[in-house]
Amino acid sequence: MFRCPVVVPMTFRQRLAGIKRAPPGHGVLLAASAVNSIGLKEPLTVVALDGHGRVLAVHLLAANTTWRHRGAEWIMELDTETPVPPGARVRILVPATLLPWHPRALELRPPSA
């Protein structure tokens, strides 16, 4: 089982900063179907999730580009070293009532056969 701590931005500025402002080793979970890497110097891994937390697509986003996945309700921004299998499910382990930018552990499970 794979675990990845993420932060959930609560304000426009936090959303705009994305992974640039996340603590080291953390990803960012965004309620969106598109993401950009404008201002980043390195590529990042973006993961499209449906409303049930199922991984729809995993994409390596080059610096200063945009990406969209139709049907996605959530996008996770991760560093390029974080492997995420398509079809995996994401489960939030900590309630969303925590303070903004508090790390929230996510559990990624491989797709069930």
N, C-alpha and C. Protein backbone atom coordinates (compact mmCIF):
# COMPACT_ATOMS: atom_id res chain seq x y z
N MET A 1 0.84 -1.18 0.00
CA MET A 1 0.00 0.00 0.00
C MET A 1 0.89 1.24 0.00
N PHE A 2 0.48 2.22 -0.75
CA PHE A 2 1.25 3.45 -0.92
C PHE A 2 0.58 4.59 -0.17
N ARG A 3 1.35 5.36 0.56
CA ARG A 3 0.81 6.52 1.27
C ARG A 3 1.51 7.78 0.79
N CYS A 4 0.74 8.83 0.64
CA CYS A 4 1.28 10.10 0.19
C CYS A 4 0.60 11.23 0.95
N PRO A 5 1.32 11.95 1.80
CA PRO A 5 0.69 13.09 2.48
C PRO A 5 0.47 14.22 1.49
N VAL A 6 -0.68 14.86 1.58
CA VAL A 6 -0.99 15.99 0.72
C VAL A 6 -1.52 17.15 1.54
N VAL A 7 -1.49 18.32 0.95
CA VAL A 7 -2.13 19.48 1.53
C VAL A 7 -3.29 19.87 0.62
N VAL A 8 -4.30 20.48 1.20
CA VAL A 8 -5.46 20.93 0.45
C VAL A 8 -5.54 22.44 0.57
N PRO A 9 -5.28 23.16 -0.52
CA PRO A 9 -5.32 24.62 -0.44
C PRO A 9 -6.74 25.11 -0.21
N MET A 10 -6.89 26.10 0.66
CA MET A 10 -8.21 26.61 1.02
C MET A 10 -8.49 28.01 0.46
N THR A 11 -7.47 28.69 -0.01
CA THR A 11 -7.66 30.04 -0.56
C THR A 11 -7.17 30.08 -2.00
N PHE A 12 -7.54 31.14 -2.71
CA PHE A 12 -7.11 31.30 -4.09
C PHE A 12 -5.58 31.36 -4.18
N ARG A 13 -4.95 32.09 -3.29
CA ARG A 13 -3.49 32.20 -3.31
C ARG A 13 -2.81 30.85 -3.08
N GLN A 14 -3.35 30.06 -2.17
CA GLN A 14 -2.78 28.73 -1.92
C GLN A 14 -2.96 27.85 -3.15
N ARG A 15 -4.13 27.93 -3.79
CA ARG A 15 -4.36 27.14 -5.02
C ARG A 15 -3.39 27.57 -6.11
N LEU A 16 -3.19 28.87 -6.24
CA LEU A 16 -2.30 29.39 -7.27
C LEU A 16 -0.86 28.93 -7.04
N ALA A 17 -0.43 28.89 -5.78
CA ALA A 17 0.93 28.46 -5.46
C ALA A 17 1.11 26.97 -5.71
N GLY A 18 0.06 26.17 -5.51
CA GLY A 18 0.14 24.74 -5.76
C GLY A 18 1.29 24.08 -5.03
N ILE A 19 2.01 23.23 -5.73
CA ILE A 19 3.05 22.42 -5.11
C ILE A 19 4.28 23.25 -4.72
N LYS A 20 4.42 24.44 -5.28
CA LYS A 20 5.57 25.29 -4.94
C LYS A 20 5.61 25.62 -3.46
N ARG A 21 4.43 25.70 -2.81
CA ARG A 21 4.37 26.09 -1.40
C ARG A 21 4.10 24.91 -0.46
N ALA A 22 3.95 23.73 -1.00
CA ALA A 22 3.69 22.56 -0.17
C ALA A 22 4.95 22.17 0.59
N PRO A 23 4.78 21.61 1.79
CA PRO A 23 5.96 21.14 2.54
C PRO A 23 6.69 20.06 1.75
N PRO A 24 8.00 19.92 1.95
CA PRO A 24 8.76 18.89 1.24
C PRO A 24 8.14 17.50 1.45
N GLY A 25 8.05 16.74 0.37
CA GLY A 25 7.51 15.40 0.45
C GLY A 25 6.00 15.32 0.41
N HIS A 26 5.32 16.46 0.25
CA HIS A 26 3.86 16.49 0.21
C HIS A 26 3.38 16.81 -1.19
N GLY A 27 2.21 16.30 -1.52
CA GLY A 27 1.54 16.66 -2.75
C GLY A 27 0.47 17.69 -2.45
N VAL A 28 -0.26 18.09 -3.48
CA VAL A 28 -1.35 19.05 -3.34
C VAL A 28 -2.59 18.46 -3.99
N LEU A 29 -3.72 18.51 -3.30
CA LEU A 29 -4.99 18.01 -3.81
C LEU A 29 -5.87 19.19 -4.17
N LEU A 30 -6.26 19.29 -5.45
CA LEU A 30 -7.04 20.42 -5.94
C LEU A 30 -8.39 19.95 -6.47
N ALA A 31 -9.45 20.69 -6.16
CA ALA A 31 -10.76 20.42 -6.75
C ALA A 31 -10.78 21.07 -8.12
N ALA A 32 -10.32 20.34 -9.14
CA ALA A 32 -10.17 20.89 -10.48
C ALA A 32 -10.07 19.76 -11.49
N SER A 33 -10.22 20.11 -12.77
CA SER A 33 -10.01 19.13 -13.83
C SER A 33 -8.83 19.54 -14.71
N ALA A 34 -8.21 20.69 -14.39
CA ALA A 34 -7.06 21.17 -15.16
C ALA A 34 -6.04 21.76 -14.19
N VAL A 35 -4.78 21.79 -14.65
CA VAL A 35 -3.70 22.29 -13.82
C VAL A 35 -2.63 22.87 -14.72
N ASN A 36 -1.83 23.79 -14.18
CA ASN A 36 -0.71 24.33 -14.96
C ASN A 36 0.56 24.27 -14.13
N SER A 37 1.68 24.35 -14.84
CA SER A 37 2.98 24.32 -14.16
C SER A 37 3.75 25.61 -14.44
N ILE A 38 3.02 26.68 -14.64
CA ILE A 38 3.64 27.97 -14.92
C ILE A 38 4.44 28.41 -13.70
N GLY A 39 5.68 28.78 -13.93
CA GLY A 39 6.55 29.21 -12.84
C GLY A 39 7.39 28.11 -12.24
N LEU A 40 7.14 26.87 -12.62
CA LEU A 40 7.94 25.77 -12.11
C LEU A 40 9.16 25.55 -12.99
N LYS A 41 10.23 25.11 -12.37
CA LYS A 41 11.46 24.85 -13.12
C LYS A 41 11.61 23.39 -13.49
N GLU A 42 10.88 22.53 -12.79
CA GLU A 42 10.98 21.09 -13.03
C GLU A 42 9.60 20.53 -13.33
N PRO A 43 9.53 19.40 -14.01
CA PRO A 43 8.23 18.78 -14.27
C PRO A 43 7.62 18.24 -12.97
N LEU A 44 6.33 17.96 -13.02
CA LEU A 44 5.68 17.34 -11.87
C LEU A 44 4.69 16.29 -12.36
N THR A 45 4.36 15.38 -11.49
CA THR A 45 3.37 14.35 -11.80
C THR A 45 2.01 14.87 -11.40
N VAL A 46 1.04 14.79 -12.31
CA VAL A 46 -0.32 15.18 -11.98
C VAL A 46 -1.21 13.95 -12.13
N VAL A 47 -2.14 13.80 -11.22
CA VAL A 47 -3.02 12.64 -11.17
C VAL A 47 -4.46 13.13 -11.23
N ALA A 48 -5.21 12.67 -12.22
CA ALA A 48 -6.63 13.01 -12.35
C ALA A 48 -7.44 11.97 -11.57
N LEU A 49 -8.36 12.45 -10.73
CA LEU A 49 -9.21 11.58 -9.92
C LEU A 49 -10.67 11.85 -10.21
N ASP A 50 -11.50 10.80 -10.18
CA ASP A 50 -12.93 11.02 -10.31
C ASP A 50 -13.51 11.36 -8.93
N GLY A 51 -14.82 11.51 -8.86
CA GLY A 51 -15.47 11.88 -7.61
C GLY A 51 -15.41 10.83 -6.52
N HIS A 52 -15.03 9.60 -6.89
CA HIS A 52 -14.92 8.52 -5.91
C HIS A 52 -13.48 8.25 -5.51
N GLY A 53 -12.55 9.09 -6.01
CA GLY A 53 -11.15 8.92 -5.66
C GLY A 53 -10.40 7.92 -6.52
N ARG A 54 -11.01 7.48 -7.62
CA ARG A 54 -10.34 6.54 -8.52
C ARG A 54 -9.39 7.31 -9.45
N VAL A 55 -8.19 6.79 -9.62
CA VAL A 55 -7.21 7.42 -10.51
C VAL A 55 -7.65 7.19 -11.96
N LEU A 56 -7.88 8.29 -12.67
CA LEU A 56 -8.28 8.21 -14.07
C LEU A 56 -7.08 8.27 -15.00
N ALA A 57 -6.11 9.10 -14.65
CA ALA A 57 -4.93 9.26 -15.49
C ALA A 57 -3.78 9.81 -14.67
N VAL A 58 -2.57 9.46 -15.10
CA VAL A 58 -1.34 9.98 -14.49
C VAL A 58 -0.55 10.60 -15.63
N HIS A 59 -0.08 11.83 -15.43
CA HIS A 59 0.58 12.56 -16.51
C HIS A 59 1.81 13.27 -15.96
N LEU A 60 2.90 13.24 -16.71
CA LEU A 60 4.09 14.00 -16.37
C LEU A 60 3.96 15.36 -17.04
N LEU A 61 3.80 16.40 -16.26
CA LEU A 61 3.57 17.74 -16.76
C LEU A 61 4.89 18.51 -16.82
N ALA A 62 5.28 18.89 -18.03
CA ALA A 62 6.52 19.66 -18.21
C ALA A 62 6.35 21.06 -17.61
N ALA A 63 7.46 21.69 -17.29
CA ALA A 63 7.43 23.04 -16.74
C ALA A 63 6.78 24.00 -17.73
N ASN A 64 6.01 24.95 -17.19
CA ASN A 64 5.37 26.02 -17.95
C ASN A 64 4.38 25.52 -19.01
N THR A 65 3.63 24.48 -18.66
CA THR A 65 2.59 23.97 -19.55
C THR A 65 1.29 23.79 -18.77
N THR A 66 0.23 23.43 -19.46
CA THR A 66 -1.06 23.14 -18.82
C THR A 66 -1.51 21.75 -19.22
N TRP A 67 -2.43 21.18 -18.43
CA TRP A 67 -2.98 19.86 -18.71
C TRP A 67 -4.39 19.79 -18.17
N ARG A 68 -5.26 19.12 -18.91
CA ARG A 68 -6.65 18.95 -18.50
C ARG A 68 -7.08 17.52 -18.76
N HIS A 69 -7.90 16.99 -17.84
CA HIS A 69 -8.47 15.66 -18.05
C HIS A 69 -9.99 15.77 -17.89
N ARG A 70 -10.70 15.54 -18.98
CA ARG A 70 -12.16 15.59 -18.91
C ARG A 70 -12.67 14.49 -17.99
N GLY A 71 -13.62 14.84 -17.15
CA GLY A 71 -14.19 13.88 -16.22
C GLY A 71 -13.53 13.88 -14.86
N ALA A 72 -12.40 14.55 -14.74
CA ALA A 72 -11.72 14.61 -13.44
C ALA A 72 -12.43 15.61 -12.54
N GLU A 73 -12.57 15.25 -11.27
CA GLU A 73 -13.11 16.18 -10.28
C GLU A 73 -12.03 16.67 -9.34
N TRP A 74 -10.93 15.95 -9.28
CA TRP A 74 -9.80 16.31 -8.42
C TRP A 74 -8.51 16.11 -9.20
N ILE A 75 -7.52 16.94 -8.92
CA ILE A 75 -6.18 16.79 -9.46
C ILE A 75 -5.21 16.78 -8.29
N MET A 76 -4.32 15.81 -8.29
CA MET A 76 -3.23 15.78 -7.30
C MET A 76 -1.95 16.16 -8.01
N GLU A 77 -1.22 17.11 -7.43
CA GLU A 77 0.10 17.45 -7.93
C GLU A 77 1.11 16.75 -7.02
N LEU A 78 2.02 16.00 -7.62
CA LEU A 78 3.02 15.25 -6.86
C LEU A 78 4.39 15.49 -7.48
N ASP A 79 5.44 15.19 -6.72
CA ASP A 79 6.77 15.27 -7.31
C ASP A 79 6.92 14.13 -8.32
N THR A 80 7.92 14.19 -9.14
CA THR A 80 8.07 13.21 -10.22
C THR A 80 8.50 11.84 -9.73
N GLU A 81 8.89 11.71 -8.48
CA GLU A 81 9.36 10.42 -7.95
C GLU A 81 8.25 9.60 -7.32
N THR A 82 7.02 10.11 -7.33
CA THR A 82 5.90 9.42 -6.69
C THR A 82 5.15 8.58 -7.71
N PRO A 83 5.27 7.23 -7.64
CA PRO A 83 4.57 6.37 -8.61
C PRO A 83 3.10 6.19 -8.22
N VAL A 84 2.21 6.38 -9.17
CA VAL A 84 0.77 6.20 -8.93
C VAL A 84 0.21 5.37 -10.08
N PRO A 85 -0.32 4.18 -9.79
CA PRO A 85 -0.86 3.35 -10.88
C PRO A 85 -2.25 3.82 -11.30
N PRO A 86 -2.53 3.91 -12.61
CA PRO A 86 -3.89 4.22 -13.06
C PRO A 86 -4.86 3.17 -12.53
N GLY A 87 -6.03 3.61 -12.13
CA GLY A 87 -7.03 2.71 -11.58
C GLY A 87 -6.96 2.57 -10.07
N ALA A 88 -5.88 3.04 -9.46
CA ALA A 88 -5.78 3.00 -8.00
C ALA A 88 -6.88 3.87 -7.40
N ARG A 89 -7.15 3.68 -6.14
CA ARG A 89 -8.14 4.50 -5.44
C ARG A 89 -7.45 5.31 -4.36
N VAL A 90 -7.97 6.51 -4.14
CA VAL A 90 -7.43 7.42 -3.13
C VAL A 90 -8.45 7.54 -2.02
N ARG A 91 -8.00 7.39 -0.80
CA ARG A 91 -8.88 7.51 0.35
C ARG A 91 -8.28 8.52 1.32
N ILE A 92 -9.06 9.54 1.69
CA ILE A 92 -8.58 10.53 2.65
C ILE A 92 -8.72 9.93 4.04
N LEU A 93 -7.61 9.91 4.77
CA LEU A 93 -7.59 9.27 6.08
C LEU A 93 -7.85 10.23 7.23
N VAL A 94 -7.69 11.52 6.99
CA VAL A 94 -7.89 12.52 8.03
C VAL A 94 -9.06 13.40 7.63
N PRO A 95 -9.97 13.75 8.55
CA PRO A 95 -11.13 14.57 8.18
C PRO A 95 -10.73 15.90 7.55
N ALA A 96 -11.57 16.38 6.65
CA ALA A 96 -11.29 17.63 5.94
C ALA A 96 -11.56 18.86 6.80
N THR A 97 -11.87 18.68 8.06
CA THR A 97 -12.16 19.82 8.95
C THR A 97 -10.90 20.38 9.58
N LEU A 98 -9.73 19.89 9.17
CA LEU A 98 -8.49 20.39 9.73
C LEU A 98 -8.17 21.77 9.19
N LEU A 99 -7.21 22.42 9.80
CA LEU A 99 -6.81 23.75 9.36
C LEU A 99 -6.27 23.72 7.93
N PRO A 100 -6.38 24.86 7.20
CA PRO A 100 -5.85 24.90 5.84
C PRO A 100 -4.37 24.55 5.81
N TRP A 101 -3.98 23.85 4.77
CA TRP A 101 -2.60 23.45 4.51
C TRP A 101 -2.07 22.45 5.52
N HIS A 102 -2.95 21.84 6.29
CA HIS A 102 -2.50 20.79 7.19
C HIS A 102 -2.29 19.52 6.36
N PRO A 103 -1.17 18.83 6.54
CA PRO A 103 -0.96 17.60 5.76
C PRO A 103 -2.07 16.59 6.02
N ARG A 104 -2.56 16.02 4.96
CA ARG A 104 -3.59 14.98 5.06
C ARG A 104 -3.04 13.74 4.39
N ALA A 105 -3.00 12.67 5.11
CA ALA A 105 -2.45 11.44 4.54
C ALA A 105 -3.47 10.82 3.60
N LEU A 106 -3.02 10.44 2.44
CA LEU A 106 -3.85 9.72 1.50
C LEU A 106 -3.29 8.33 1.32
N GLU A 107 -4.15 7.42 1.09
CA GLU A 107 -3.76 6.04 0.90
C GLU A 107 -4.14 5.66 -0.52
N LEU A 108 -3.19 5.26 -1.32
CA LEU A 108 -3.45 4.84 -2.68
C LEU A 108 -3.43 3.32 -2.74
N ARG A 109 -4.51 2.74 -3.21
CA ARG A 109 -4.59 1.28 -3.31
C ARG A 109 -4.54 0.87 -4.76
N PRO A 110 -3.89 -0.26 -5.05
CA PRO A 110 -3.87 -0.72 -6.44
C PRO A 110 -5.28 -1.07 -6.90
N PRO A 111 -5.52 -1.02 -8.20
CA PRO A 111 -6.86 -1.36 -8.71
C PRO A 111 -7.24 -2.78 -8.32
N SER A 112 -8.51 -2.95 -7.98
CA SER A 112 -8.97 -4.29 -7.60
C SER A 112 -9.26 -5.09 -8.88
N ALA A 113 -8.97 -6.35 -8.83
CA ALA A 113 -9.15 -7.20 -10.02
C ALA A 113 -10.58 -7.64 -10.17
